[in-house]
Amino acid sequence: MPETTFAERLKIALDGEKPGTFASRVGIGDSTIRKYLQGTIPLVDKAAELARALNVNLDWLAAEQGSMRPGEMQPHYLPVDDAGMPVGFISVPKIEIRPSAGAGSLDLYQESEPDIFAFREEWLRRIGVSPKFARLMVAKGDSMRETINDGDLMIVDVSIREFIDEAIYVLVYGGLVRLKRLQMLRTGLLLLKSDNPMYQTEEVPLAEQPELIIGGRVRWAGGAI
């Protein structure tokens, strides 16, 4: 019997590509891909279509038989380390950021999740985050749609606790947790920008910037599964 589910093998084959991006690239409905990632098993013709688009062997994708890639000679199962983690992968904690009771600070809560989220260590470094400081968070709200949608899973670099350059940050301001694109003008004025045009840009003057607390910089976001 396979040791991984079809959804898990599909996630491995996507190799970090967003489900929505992949769906658009191959002409498959975004909702269909998400159903497969949630556990729905496709028919053989659809599985074959997915295997071709992902450049993986159909036998591997459908039943974890043989090598993953065409022409590769590799074992059916990834070797694991002493902790039971596949070699080359690292677990990433899932946390929640909340404003703390004290002014100018925040709390990080690790959620009690039964699922284990593991990512390739080399891939984490490639997207610019040290595995030591990588944390998973769930996006809430639609202010950053379509870049990051409500419910998307994000990898956040929590070592970044101050503005460095224009990017998307998780922050606390005005007693609320925000997901915003930050931009600083030459005057020192900080702008909180939303990718959703329905939201107006907010200005944070110099006098109020000590009240804005950055929890981390978003390095990657993918569809909720």
N, C-alpha and C. Protein backbone atom coordinates (compact mmCIF):
# COMPACT_ATOMS: atom_id res chain seq x y z
N MET A 1 0.84 -1.20 0.00
CA MET A 1 0.00 0.00 0.00
C MET A 1 0.87 1.25 0.00
N PRO A 2 0.47 2.31 -0.72
CA PRO A 2 1.24 3.55 -0.71
C PRO A 2 1.32 4.15 0.68
N GLU A 3 2.44 4.77 0.99
CA GLU A 3 2.61 5.41 2.30
C GLU A 3 2.16 6.86 2.28
N THR A 4 1.90 7.41 1.11
CA THR A 4 1.39 8.77 1.00
C THR A 4 0.07 8.75 0.24
N THR A 5 -0.75 9.77 0.45
CA THR A 5 -2.02 9.88 -0.26
C THR A 5 -1.80 10.56 -1.61
N PHE A 6 -2.82 10.47 -2.47
CA PHE A 6 -2.73 11.15 -3.76
C PHE A 6 -2.54 12.65 -3.55
N ALA A 7 -3.27 13.23 -2.59
CA ALA A 7 -3.16 14.67 -2.32
C ALA A 7 -1.74 15.04 -1.91
N GLU A 8 -1.11 14.20 -1.09
CA GLU A 8 0.26 14.48 -0.65
C GLU A 8 1.25 14.40 -1.80
N ARG A 9 1.06 13.41 -2.68
CA ARG A 9 1.96 13.29 -3.84
C ARG A 9 1.74 14.44 -4.81
N LEU A 10 0.50 14.88 -4.96
CA LEU A 10 0.22 16.03 -5.82
C LEU A 10 0.89 17.28 -5.28
N LYS A 11 0.85 17.47 -3.95
CA LYS A 11 1.50 18.63 -3.34
C LYS A 11 3.02 18.58 -3.55
N ILE A 12 3.59 17.38 -3.43
CA ILE A 12 5.03 17.24 -3.67
C ILE A 12 5.36 17.59 -5.12
N ALA A 13 4.54 17.10 -6.06
CA ALA A 13 4.80 17.34 -7.48
C ALA A 13 4.65 18.82 -7.84
N LEU A 14 3.76 19.54 -7.15
CA LEU A 14 3.60 20.98 -7.40
C LEU A 14 4.87 21.75 -7.03
N ASP A 15 5.62 21.23 -6.05
CA ASP A 15 6.93 21.78 -5.68
C ASP A 15 6.88 23.28 -5.43
N GLY A 16 5.87 23.71 -4.66
CA GLY A 16 5.78 25.12 -4.28
C GLY A 16 4.95 25.98 -5.20
N GLU A 17 4.56 25.49 -6.36
CA GLU A 17 3.73 26.28 -7.27
C GLU A 17 2.33 26.41 -6.70
N LYS A 18 1.77 27.60 -6.76
CA LYS A 18 0.42 27.82 -6.22
C LYS A 18 -0.58 27.00 -7.02
N PRO A 19 -1.56 26.38 -6.33
CA PRO A 19 -2.58 25.60 -7.05
C PRO A 19 -3.29 26.42 -8.12
N GLY A 20 -3.61 27.67 -7.80
CA GLY A 20 -4.29 28.51 -8.79
C GLY A 20 -3.44 28.79 -10.00
N THR A 21 -2.14 29.03 -9.79
CA THR A 21 -1.23 29.27 -10.91
C THR A 21 -1.12 28.04 -11.78
N PHE A 22 -0.98 26.88 -11.14
CA PHE A 22 -0.88 25.62 -11.90
C PHE A 22 -2.16 25.37 -12.69
N ALA A 23 -3.31 25.60 -12.05
CA ALA A 23 -4.59 25.37 -12.72
C ALA A 23 -4.71 26.22 -13.98
N SER A 24 -4.30 27.51 -13.88
CA SER A 24 -4.35 28.39 -15.05
C SER A 24 -3.37 27.95 -16.14
N ARG A 25 -2.22 27.48 -15.71
CA ARG A 25 -1.19 27.07 -16.67
C ARG A 25 -1.61 25.88 -17.50
N VAL A 26 -2.32 24.94 -16.90
CA VAL A 26 -2.67 23.70 -17.61
C VAL A 26 -4.13 23.67 -18.06
N GLY A 27 -4.88 24.71 -17.73
CA GLY A 27 -6.26 24.77 -18.19
C GLY A 27 -7.22 23.89 -17.43
N ILE A 28 -6.95 23.67 -16.14
CA ILE A 28 -7.84 22.89 -15.27
C ILE A 28 -8.46 23.85 -14.27
N GLY A 29 -9.70 23.61 -13.90
CA GLY A 29 -10.39 24.49 -12.96
C GLY A 29 -9.67 24.57 -11.62
N ASP A 30 -9.56 25.79 -11.10
CA ASP A 30 -8.89 25.98 -9.81
C ASP A 30 -9.59 25.18 -8.71
N SER A 31 -10.91 25.15 -8.72
CA SER A 31 -11.65 24.40 -7.69
C SER A 31 -11.39 22.91 -7.81
N THR A 32 -11.16 22.43 -9.03
CA THR A 32 -10.87 21.00 -9.22
C THR A 32 -9.54 20.64 -8.60
N ILE A 33 -8.50 21.47 -8.83
CA ILE A 33 -7.19 21.20 -8.24
C ILE A 33 -7.28 21.21 -6.71
N ARG A 34 -8.01 22.16 -6.16
CA ARG A 34 -8.13 22.24 -4.70
C ARG A 34 -8.86 21.02 -4.14
N LYS A 35 -9.83 20.48 -4.87
CA LYS A 35 -10.52 19.27 -4.42
C LYS A 35 -9.56 18.09 -4.38
N TYR A 36 -8.67 18.01 -5.41
CA TYR A 36 -7.68 16.95 -5.41
C TYR A 36 -6.74 17.09 -4.21
N LEU A 37 -6.37 18.33 -3.89
CA LEU A 37 -5.48 18.57 -2.75
C LEU A 37 -6.18 18.31 -1.42
N GLN A 38 -7.50 18.30 -1.45
CA GLN A 38 -8.27 18.04 -0.22
C GLN A 38 -8.62 16.56 -0.07
N GLY A 39 -8.27 15.74 -1.09
CA GLY A 39 -8.50 14.31 -0.93
C GLY A 39 -9.31 13.64 -2.01
N THR A 40 -9.90 14.40 -2.93
CA THR A 40 -10.65 13.79 -4.02
C THR A 40 -9.69 13.09 -4.98
N ILE A 41 -10.02 11.87 -5.39
CA ILE A 41 -9.18 11.11 -6.31
C ILE A 41 -9.69 11.30 -7.73
N PRO A 42 -8.85 11.77 -8.66
CA PRO A 42 -9.31 11.99 -10.03
C PRO A 42 -9.45 10.68 -10.80
N LEU A 43 -10.23 10.71 -11.89
CA LEU A 43 -10.30 9.58 -12.79
C LEU A 43 -8.95 9.42 -13.51
N VAL A 44 -8.77 8.25 -14.13
CA VAL A 44 -7.47 7.92 -14.72
C VAL A 44 -7.06 8.95 -15.77
N ASP A 45 -8.01 9.39 -16.61
CA ASP A 45 -7.65 10.34 -17.67
C ASP A 45 -7.20 11.68 -17.09
N LYS A 46 -7.85 12.11 -15.99
CA LYS A 46 -7.45 13.36 -15.35
C LYS A 46 -6.11 13.21 -14.64
N ALA A 47 -5.89 12.05 -14.02
CA ALA A 47 -4.60 11.81 -13.36
C ALA A 47 -3.48 11.81 -14.39
N ALA A 48 -3.74 11.22 -15.57
CA ALA A 48 -2.73 11.22 -16.63
C ALA A 48 -2.43 12.64 -17.11
N GLU A 49 -3.48 13.46 -17.19
CA GLU A 49 -3.30 14.86 -17.59
C GLU A 49 -2.45 15.62 -16.57
N LEU A 50 -2.71 15.37 -15.30
CA LEU A 50 -1.93 16.00 -14.24
C LEU A 50 -0.48 15.55 -14.30
N ALA A 51 -0.26 14.25 -14.48
CA ALA A 51 1.10 13.70 -14.52
C ALA A 51 1.90 14.32 -15.65
N ARG A 52 1.29 14.48 -16.83
CA ARG A 52 2.00 15.10 -17.96
C ARG A 52 2.36 16.54 -17.64
N ALA A 53 1.41 17.29 -17.07
CA ALA A 53 1.65 18.71 -16.78
C ALA A 53 2.70 18.89 -15.71
N LEU A 54 2.79 17.95 -14.78
CA LEU A 54 3.74 18.05 -13.66
C LEU A 54 5.05 17.36 -13.95
N ASN A 55 5.15 16.69 -15.11
CA ASN A 55 6.35 15.96 -15.50
C ASN A 55 6.70 14.89 -14.47
N VAL A 56 5.69 14.12 -14.07
CA VAL A 56 5.91 12.99 -13.16
C VAL A 56 5.30 11.74 -13.79
N ASN A 57 5.72 10.59 -13.33
CA ASN A 57 5.18 9.33 -13.82
C ASN A 57 3.76 9.13 -13.29
N LEU A 58 2.87 8.68 -14.17
CA LEU A 58 1.49 8.44 -13.77
C LEU A 58 1.41 7.37 -12.68
N ASP A 59 2.22 6.30 -12.80
CA ASP A 59 2.19 5.23 -11.79
C ASP A 59 2.56 5.76 -10.41
N TRP A 60 3.53 6.68 -10.39
CA TRP A 60 3.93 7.26 -9.10
C TRP A 60 2.83 8.15 -8.54
N LEU A 61 2.25 9.00 -9.41
CA LEU A 61 1.24 9.95 -8.94
C LEU A 61 -0.02 9.21 -8.48
N ALA A 62 -0.43 8.19 -9.24
CA ALA A 62 -1.68 7.50 -8.94
C ALA A 62 -1.54 6.49 -7.81
N ALA A 63 -0.39 5.78 -7.76
CA ALA A 63 -0.29 4.67 -6.81
C ALA A 63 1.06 4.58 -6.11
N GLU A 64 1.92 5.58 -6.26
CA GLU A 64 3.24 5.61 -5.64
C GLU A 64 4.07 4.38 -6.05
N GLN A 65 4.00 4.06 -7.34
CA GLN A 65 4.75 2.95 -7.89
C GLN A 65 5.85 3.49 -8.81
N GLY A 66 7.08 2.98 -8.64
CA GLY A 66 8.17 3.42 -9.49
C GLY A 66 8.71 4.77 -9.09
N SER A 67 9.54 5.32 -9.97
CA SER A 67 10.17 6.61 -9.69
C SER A 67 9.20 7.76 -9.93
N MET A 68 9.49 8.89 -9.31
CA MET A 68 8.62 10.05 -9.43
C MET A 68 8.75 10.68 -10.82
N ARG A 69 9.98 10.91 -11.29
CA ARG A 69 10.21 11.59 -12.56
C ARG A 69 10.54 10.59 -13.66
N PRO A 70 10.11 10.86 -14.89
CA PRO A 70 10.48 9.99 -15.99
C PRO A 70 12.00 9.91 -16.16
N GLY A 71 12.53 8.70 -16.27
CA GLY A 71 13.97 8.51 -16.47
C GLY A 71 14.77 8.50 -15.20
N GLU A 72 14.15 8.76 -14.06
CA GLU A 72 14.87 8.77 -12.79
C GLU A 72 14.88 7.38 -12.17
N MET A 73 15.96 7.06 -11.52
CA MET A 73 16.06 5.84 -10.75
C MET A 73 16.14 6.25 -9.29
N GLN A 74 15.03 6.19 -8.59
CA GLN A 74 15.00 6.60 -7.20
C GLN A 74 14.09 5.68 -6.41
N PRO A 75 14.27 5.56 -5.11
CA PRO A 75 13.43 4.67 -4.32
C PRO A 75 11.99 5.17 -4.25
N HIS A 76 11.08 4.22 -3.93
CA HIS A 76 9.66 4.57 -3.85
C HIS A 76 9.42 5.56 -2.72
N TYR A 77 10.19 5.46 -1.65
CA TYR A 77 9.95 6.27 -0.47
C TYR A 77 11.20 7.07 -0.14
N LEU A 78 10.98 8.28 0.33
CA LEU A 78 12.11 9.12 0.72
C LEU A 78 12.73 8.57 2.00
N PRO A 79 14.08 8.56 2.09
CA PRO A 79 14.71 8.16 3.35
C PRO A 79 14.39 9.18 4.43
N VAL A 80 14.34 8.72 5.68
CA VAL A 80 14.00 9.62 6.78
C VAL A 80 15.15 9.70 7.75
N ASP A 81 15.18 10.80 8.52
CA ASP A 81 16.22 10.97 9.53
C ASP A 81 15.77 10.34 10.85
N ASP A 82 16.55 10.56 11.90
CA ASP A 82 16.25 9.95 13.20
C ASP A 82 14.92 10.43 13.79
N ALA A 83 14.50 11.63 13.39
CA ALA A 83 13.24 12.17 13.90
C ALA A 83 12.04 11.74 13.06
N GLY A 84 12.29 10.95 12.00
CA GLY A 84 11.21 10.50 11.15
C GLY A 84 10.86 11.47 10.04
N MET A 85 11.63 12.53 9.87
CA MET A 85 11.39 13.51 8.84
C MET A 85 12.14 13.11 7.57
N PRO A 86 11.49 13.20 6.38
CA PRO A 86 12.21 12.89 5.14
C PRO A 86 13.49 13.72 5.03
N VAL A 87 14.56 13.07 4.61
CA VAL A 87 15.85 13.75 4.50
C VAL A 87 15.73 14.92 3.52
N GLY A 88 16.24 16.07 3.93
CA GLY A 88 16.18 17.26 3.09
C GLY A 88 14.96 18.12 3.37
N PHE A 89 14.03 17.62 4.18
CA PHE A 89 12.83 18.37 4.54
C PHE A 89 12.95 18.85 5.98
N ILE A 90 12.18 19.90 6.30
CA ILE A 90 12.17 20.44 7.65
C ILE A 90 10.74 20.82 8.01
N SER A 91 10.34 20.54 9.23
CA SER A 91 8.99 20.92 9.67
C SER A 91 8.95 22.41 9.98
N VAL A 92 7.83 23.04 9.64
CA VAL A 92 7.66 24.48 9.86
C VAL A 92 6.46 24.68 10.77
N PRO A 93 6.64 25.28 11.95
CA PRO A 93 5.51 25.47 12.88
C PRO A 93 4.46 26.41 12.31
N LYS A 94 3.23 26.14 12.65
CA LYS A 94 2.12 27.01 12.27
C LYS A 94 1.75 27.86 13.47
N ILE A 95 1.77 29.18 13.31
CA ILE A 95 1.53 30.08 14.44
C ILE A 95 0.49 31.13 14.09
N GLU A 96 0.09 31.84 15.11
CA GLU A 96 -0.85 32.95 14.95
C GLU A 96 -0.26 34.16 15.66
N ILE A 97 -0.34 35.32 15.02
CA ILE A 97 0.12 36.57 15.64
C ILE A 97 -1.08 37.31 16.22
N ARG A 98 -0.93 37.75 17.45
CA ARG A 98 -1.98 38.53 18.11
C ARG A 98 -1.36 39.74 18.81
N PRO A 99 -2.09 40.84 18.88
CA PRO A 99 -1.59 41.97 19.67
C PRO A 99 -1.49 41.56 21.13
N SER A 100 -0.46 42.03 21.81
CA SER A 100 -0.33 41.72 23.23
C SER A 100 -1.00 42.83 24.06
N ALA A 101 -1.10 42.58 25.36
CA ALA A 101 -1.74 43.57 26.23
C ALA A 101 -0.87 44.81 26.39
N GLY A 102 0.46 44.63 26.33
CA GLY A 102 1.36 45.76 26.49
C GLY A 102 1.52 46.54 25.20
N ALA A 103 1.69 47.83 25.32
CA ALA A 103 1.87 48.67 24.14
C ALA A 103 3.19 48.35 23.47
N GLY A 104 3.17 48.36 22.12
CA GLY A 104 4.39 48.19 21.37
C GLY A 104 4.96 46.80 21.38
N SER A 105 4.11 45.78 21.56
CA SER A 105 4.61 44.41 21.54
C SER A 105 3.53 43.51 20.98
N LEU A 106 3.89 42.25 20.72
CA LEU A 106 2.94 41.29 20.18
C LEU A 106 3.26 39.92 20.72
N ASP A 107 2.33 39.00 20.56
CA ASP A 107 2.51 37.63 21.02
C ASP A 107 2.45 36.69 19.82
N LEU A 108 3.25 35.63 19.86
CA LEU A 108 3.21 34.59 18.84
C LEU A 108 2.65 33.33 19.49
N TYR A 109 1.56 32.82 18.95
CA TYR A 109 0.94 31.62 19.49
C TYR A 109 1.11 30.49 18.50
N GLN A 110 1.69 29.37 18.95
CA GLN A 110 1.75 28.19 18.11
C GLN A 110 0.44 27.44 18.26
N GLU A 111 -0.19 27.18 17.13
CA GLU A 111 -1.49 26.53 17.16
C GLU A 111 -1.34 25.03 17.37
N SER A 112 -2.35 24.43 17.98
CA SER A 112 -2.34 22.99 18.19
C SER A 112 -2.92 22.32 16.95
N GLU A 113 -2.05 22.02 16.01
CA GLU A 113 -2.47 21.42 14.76
C GLU A 113 -1.98 19.98 14.68
N PRO A 114 -2.86 19.04 14.34
CA PRO A 114 -2.41 17.65 14.23
C PRO A 114 -1.58 17.40 12.99
N ASP A 115 -1.74 18.26 11.97
CA ASP A 115 -1.01 18.06 10.72
C ASP A 115 0.45 18.49 10.87
N ILE A 116 1.30 17.83 10.10
CA ILE A 116 2.71 18.19 10.06
C ILE A 116 2.99 18.85 8.72
N PHE A 117 3.50 20.06 8.74
CA PHE A 117 3.84 20.78 7.52
C PHE A 117 5.35 20.71 7.33
N ALA A 118 5.76 20.10 6.24
CA ALA A 118 7.20 19.95 5.98
C ALA A 118 7.52 20.52 4.60
N PHE A 119 8.65 21.19 4.51
CA PHE A 119 9.09 21.80 3.26
C PHE A 119 10.55 21.45 3.03
N ARG A 120 10.95 21.45 1.77
CA ARG A 120 12.35 21.22 1.47
C ARG A 120 13.19 22.36 2.04
N GLU A 121 14.21 22.01 2.79
CA GLU A 121 15.07 23.03 3.39
C GLU A 121 15.72 23.90 2.32
N GLU A 122 16.16 23.27 1.23
CA GLU A 122 16.81 24.02 0.14
C GLU A 122 15.83 25.00 -0.49
N TRP A 123 14.54 24.61 -0.60
CA TRP A 123 13.54 25.50 -1.20
C TRP A 123 13.27 26.69 -0.30
N LEU A 124 13.22 26.46 1.01
CA LEU A 124 13.02 27.58 1.94
C LEU A 124 14.14 28.61 1.80
N ARG A 125 15.37 28.12 1.70
CA ARG A 125 16.50 29.05 1.53
C ARG A 125 16.41 29.77 0.18
N ARG A 126 15.90 29.06 -0.82
CA ARG A 126 15.81 29.66 -2.15
C ARG A 126 14.81 30.81 -2.18
N ILE A 127 13.73 30.73 -1.37
CA ILE A 127 12.76 31.83 -1.35
C ILE A 127 13.17 32.92 -0.36
N GLY A 128 14.34 32.74 0.27
CA GLY A 128 14.91 33.83 1.06
C GLY A 128 14.64 33.79 2.54
N VAL A 129 14.32 32.62 3.09
CA VAL A 129 14.05 32.55 4.52
C VAL A 129 14.88 31.42 5.13
N SER A 130 15.51 31.71 6.25
CA SER A 130 16.23 30.68 6.98
C SER A 130 15.21 29.73 7.60
N PRO A 131 15.39 28.41 7.45
CA PRO A 131 14.44 27.46 8.04
C PRO A 131 14.20 27.71 9.53
N LYS A 132 15.20 28.23 10.22
CA LYS A 132 15.08 28.48 11.65
C LYS A 132 14.00 29.52 11.96
N PHE A 133 13.78 30.45 11.02
CA PHE A 133 12.84 31.54 11.26
C PHE A 133 11.59 31.44 10.39
N ALA A 134 11.38 30.32 9.72
CA ALA A 134 10.19 30.14 8.89
C ALA A 134 9.00 29.75 9.76
N ARG A 135 7.89 30.41 9.58
CA ARG A 135 6.66 30.08 10.30
C ARG A 135 5.49 30.10 9.31
N LEU A 136 4.53 29.22 9.55
CA LEU A 136 3.32 29.19 8.74
C LEU A 136 2.23 29.99 9.41
N MET A 137 1.51 30.78 8.61
CA MET A 137 0.36 31.54 9.10
C MET A 137 -0.74 31.46 8.06
N VAL A 138 -1.97 31.64 8.50
CA VAL A 138 -3.11 31.62 7.59
C VAL A 138 -3.57 33.06 7.35
N ALA A 139 -3.68 33.43 6.09
CA ALA A 139 -4.12 34.78 5.75
C ALA A 139 -5.62 34.93 6.06
N LYS A 140 -5.98 36.10 6.59
CA LYS A 140 -7.37 36.38 6.90
C LYS A 140 -7.77 37.70 6.25
N GLY A 141 -8.94 37.71 5.63
CA GLY A 141 -9.41 38.93 4.98
C GLY A 141 -9.06 38.95 3.51
N ASP A 142 -9.55 39.98 2.82
CA ASP A 142 -9.36 40.07 1.37
C ASP A 142 -8.62 41.33 0.93
N SER A 143 -7.90 41.98 1.86
CA SER A 143 -7.24 43.23 1.50
C SER A 143 -6.09 43.02 0.51
N MET A 144 -5.52 41.81 0.45
CA MET A 144 -4.40 41.56 -0.46
C MET A 144 -4.80 40.71 -1.66
N ARG A 145 -6.08 40.48 -1.84
CA ARG A 145 -6.55 39.74 -3.00
C ARG A 145 -6.18 40.48 -4.29
N GLU A 146 -5.69 39.87 -5.32
CA GLU A 146 -5.53 38.48 -5.62
C GLU A 146 -4.13 37.93 -5.28
N THR A 147 -3.26 38.74 -4.78
CA THR A 147 -1.92 38.26 -4.44
C THR A 147 -1.98 37.20 -3.37
N ILE A 148 -2.68 37.50 -2.28
CA ILE A 148 -2.88 36.55 -1.18
C ILE A 148 -4.36 36.58 -0.84
N ASN A 149 -5.00 35.42 -0.89
CA ASN A 149 -6.44 35.36 -0.67
C ASN A 149 -6.75 34.88 0.75
N ASP A 150 -7.96 35.15 1.18
CA ASP A 150 -8.41 34.72 2.50
C ASP A 150 -8.28 33.19 2.61
N GLY A 151 -7.60 32.73 3.66
CA GLY A 151 -7.42 31.30 3.86
C GLY A 151 -6.14 30.75 3.29
N ASP A 152 -5.40 31.56 2.53
CA ASP A 152 -4.13 31.08 1.97
C ASP A 152 -3.14 30.80 3.09
N LEU A 153 -2.31 29.81 2.87
CA LEU A 153 -1.24 29.48 3.80
C LEU A 153 -0.01 30.29 3.40
N MET A 154 0.61 30.96 4.38
CA MET A 154 1.77 31.82 4.10
C MET A 154 2.99 31.31 4.85
N ILE A 155 4.15 31.44 4.24
CA ILE A 155 5.41 31.24 4.93
C ILE A 155 5.95 32.62 5.26
N VAL A 156 6.16 32.88 6.54
CA VAL A 156 6.56 34.20 7.02
C VAL A 156 7.93 34.09 7.69
N ASP A 157 8.80 35.03 7.34
CA ASP A 157 10.13 35.12 7.97
C ASP A 157 10.00 35.99 9.21
N VAL A 158 9.95 35.35 10.40
CA VAL A 158 9.72 36.11 11.63
C VAL A 158 11.01 36.73 12.17
N SER A 159 12.14 36.54 11.48
CA SER A 159 13.37 37.23 11.89
C SER A 159 13.34 38.69 11.49
N ILE A 160 12.46 39.04 10.56
CA ILE A 160 12.35 40.42 10.09
C ILE A 160 11.29 41.12 10.92
N ARG A 161 11.72 42.01 11.79
CA ARG A 161 10.81 42.69 12.72
C ARG A 161 10.84 44.20 12.53
N GLU A 162 11.36 44.64 11.39
CA GLU A 162 11.34 46.07 11.06
C GLU A 162 11.26 46.22 9.55
N PHE A 163 10.86 47.41 9.09
CA PHE A 163 10.75 47.66 7.66
C PHE A 163 12.14 47.62 7.02
N ILE A 164 12.28 46.82 5.96
CA ILE A 164 13.55 46.73 5.23
C ILE A 164 13.39 47.32 3.84
N ASP A 165 12.41 46.83 3.10
CA ASP A 165 12.12 47.37 1.77
C ASP A 165 10.66 47.08 1.46
N GLU A 166 10.19 47.55 0.32
CA GLU A 166 8.79 47.36 -0.03
C GLU A 166 8.50 45.88 -0.19
N ALA A 167 7.59 45.36 0.60
CA ALA A 167 7.22 43.95 0.58
C ALA A 167 5.93 43.80 1.37
N ILE A 168 5.44 42.57 1.45
CA ILE A 168 4.23 42.29 2.21
C ILE A 168 4.64 41.81 3.61
N TYR A 169 4.08 42.43 4.62
CA TYR A 169 4.42 42.14 6.01
C TYR A 169 3.17 41.77 6.79
N VAL A 170 3.35 40.95 7.82
CA VAL A 170 2.33 40.75 8.84
C VAL A 170 2.65 41.72 9.97
N LEU A 171 1.68 42.54 10.35
CA LEU A 171 1.96 43.59 11.33
C LEU A 171 0.78 43.81 12.25
N VAL A 172 1.04 44.50 13.33
CA VAL A 172 0.00 44.91 14.27
C VAL A 172 0.01 46.43 14.31
N TYR A 173 -1.17 47.01 14.04
CA TYR A 173 -1.28 48.48 14.06
C TYR A 173 -2.71 48.84 14.44
N GLY A 174 -2.83 49.77 15.35
CA GLY A 174 -4.16 50.16 15.80
C GLY A 174 -4.88 49.04 16.53
N GLY A 175 -4.10 48.14 17.16
CA GLY A 175 -4.71 47.04 17.89
C GLY A 175 -5.20 45.91 17.04
N LEU A 176 -4.91 45.95 15.72
CA LEU A 176 -5.38 44.93 14.79
C LEU A 176 -4.21 44.27 14.07
N VAL A 177 -4.35 42.99 13.76
CA VAL A 177 -3.36 42.30 12.95
C VAL A 177 -3.66 42.61 11.49
N ARG A 178 -2.67 43.08 10.77
CA ARG A 178 -2.85 43.46 9.36
C ARG A 178 -1.91 42.65 8.47
N LEU A 179 -2.32 42.49 7.22
CA LEU A 179 -1.47 41.94 6.17
C LEU A 179 -1.40 43.01 5.09
N LYS A 180 -0.25 43.72 5.00
CA LYS A 180 -0.16 44.87 4.13
C LYS A 180 1.18 44.92 3.40
N ARG A 181 1.15 45.58 2.27
CA ARG A 181 2.38 45.90 1.54
C ARG A 181 2.89 47.25 2.07
N LEU A 182 4.11 47.26 2.61
CA LEU A 182 4.65 48.49 3.19
C LEU A 182 5.55 49.20 2.19
N GLN A 183 5.41 50.52 2.17
CA GLN A 183 6.27 51.36 1.35
C GLN A 183 6.62 52.60 2.16
N MET A 184 7.91 52.99 2.14
CA MET A 184 8.34 54.18 2.86
C MET A 184 8.75 55.25 1.86
N LEU A 185 8.17 56.45 2.03
CA LEU A 185 8.50 57.58 1.17
C LEU A 185 9.79 58.24 1.66
N ARG A 186 10.37 59.09 0.83
CA ARG A 186 11.61 59.79 1.20
C ARG A 186 11.42 60.68 2.41
N THR A 187 10.17 61.10 2.63
CA THR A 187 9.87 61.96 3.78
C THR A 187 9.83 61.17 5.10
N GLY A 188 9.90 59.83 4.99
CA GLY A 188 9.79 58.99 6.18
C GLY A 188 8.38 58.51 6.44
N LEU A 189 7.43 58.99 5.66
CA LEU A 189 6.04 58.58 5.80
C LEU A 189 5.91 57.12 5.36
N LEU A 190 5.26 56.30 6.17
CA LEU A 190 5.09 54.88 5.87
C LEU A 190 3.68 54.66 5.35
N LEU A 191 3.59 53.94 4.23
CA LEU A 191 2.30 53.66 3.61
C LEU A 191 1.94 52.19 3.81
N LEU A 192 0.69 51.95 4.20
CA LEU A 192 0.14 50.60 4.29
C LEU A 192 -0.76 50.40 3.09
N LYS A 193 -0.30 49.60 2.13
CA LYS A 193 -0.99 49.46 0.86
C LYS A 193 -1.64 48.09 0.75
N SER A 194 -2.81 48.06 0.12
CA SER A 194 -3.53 46.82 -0.14
C SER A 194 -3.50 46.54 -1.63
N ASP A 195 -3.32 45.26 -2.00
CA ASP A 195 -3.34 44.89 -3.41
C ASP A 195 -4.76 44.86 -3.96
N ASN A 196 -5.74 44.78 -3.06
CA ASN A 196 -7.14 44.85 -3.45
C ASN A 196 -7.51 46.33 -3.61
N PRO A 197 -7.87 46.77 -4.83
CA PRO A 197 -8.17 48.19 -5.05
C PRO A 197 -9.37 48.71 -4.28
N MET A 198 -10.15 47.82 -3.67
CA MET A 198 -11.29 48.25 -2.87
C MET A 198 -10.85 48.94 -1.58
N TYR A 199 -9.58 48.74 -1.19
CA TYR A 199 -9.08 49.30 0.06
C TYR A 199 -8.19 50.51 -0.22
N GLN A 200 -8.32 51.53 0.60
CA GLN A 200 -7.51 52.73 0.45
C GLN A 200 -6.16 52.56 1.15
N THR A 201 -5.15 53.26 0.63
CA THR A 201 -3.83 53.26 1.27
C THR A 201 -3.89 54.07 2.56
N GLU A 202 -3.30 53.53 3.62
CA GLU A 202 -3.24 54.21 4.90
C GLU A 202 -1.86 54.84 5.08
N GLU A 203 -1.82 55.98 5.71
CA GLU A 203 -0.56 56.66 5.98
C GLU A 203 -0.24 56.58 7.48
N VAL A 204 1.03 56.24 7.77
CA VAL A 204 1.48 56.17 9.16
C VAL A 204 2.56 57.24 9.34
N PRO A 205 2.24 58.37 9.96
CA PRO A 205 3.23 59.43 10.14
C PRO A 205 4.34 58.99 11.09
N LEU A 206 5.45 59.71 11.08
CA LEU A 206 6.61 59.36 11.90
C LEU A 206 6.24 59.22 13.37
N ALA A 207 5.39 60.10 13.86
CA ALA A 207 5.05 60.09 15.28
C ALA A 207 4.33 58.82 15.70
N GLU A 208 3.64 58.18 14.76
CA GLU A 208 2.86 56.98 15.09
C GLU A 208 3.58 55.68 14.74
N GLN A 209 4.73 55.77 14.05
CA GLN A 209 5.40 54.54 13.60
C GLN A 209 5.87 53.64 14.74
N PRO A 210 6.24 54.18 15.92
CA PRO A 210 6.58 53.26 17.02
C PRO A 210 5.42 52.37 17.45
N GLU A 211 4.19 52.75 17.10
CA GLU A 211 3.02 51.95 17.46
C GLU A 211 2.80 50.80 16.48
N LEU A 212 3.49 50.83 15.34
CA LEU A 212 3.34 49.78 14.34
C LEU A 212 4.38 48.70 14.60
N ILE A 213 3.94 47.49 14.85
CA ILE A 213 4.84 46.39 15.18
C ILE A 213 4.81 45.36 14.06
N ILE A 214 5.96 45.07 13.51
CA ILE A 214 6.07 44.10 12.43
C ILE A 214 6.33 42.71 13.00
N GLY A 215 5.52 41.75 12.57
CA GLY A 215 5.67 40.37 13.04
C GLY A 215 6.48 39.50 12.11
N GLY A 216 6.66 39.93 10.87
CA GLY A 216 7.44 39.15 9.92
C GLY A 216 7.12 39.55 8.49
N ARG A 217 7.96 39.09 7.60
CA ARG A 217 7.80 39.38 6.17
C ARG A 217 7.32 38.12 5.44
N VAL A 218 6.29 38.28 4.63
CA VAL A 218 5.75 37.14 3.88
C VAL A 218 6.69 36.79 2.74
N ARG A 219 7.09 35.53 2.67
CA ARG A 219 8.00 35.07 1.63
C ARG A 219 7.31 34.22 0.58
N TRP A 220 6.17 33.60 0.95
CA TRP A 220 5.46 32.72 0.00
C TRP A 220 4.03 32.56 0.49
N ALA A 221 3.12 32.40 -0.45
CA ALA A 221 1.72 32.13 -0.10
C ALA A 221 1.16 31.15 -1.09
N GLY A 222 0.36 30.22 -0.58
CA GLY A 222 -0.28 29.21 -1.43
C GLY A 222 -1.71 29.01 -1.02
N GLY A 223 -2.49 28.44 -1.92
CA GLY A 223 -3.90 28.23 -1.64
C GLY A 223 -4.14 27.35 -0.43
N ALA A 224 -5.17 27.69 0.32
CA ALA A 224 -5.50 26.89 1.50
C ALA A 224 -5.91 25.50 1.10
N ILE A 225 -5.43 24.52 1.87
CA ILE A 225 -5.74 23.13 1.56
C ILE A 225 -6.29 22.45 2.81
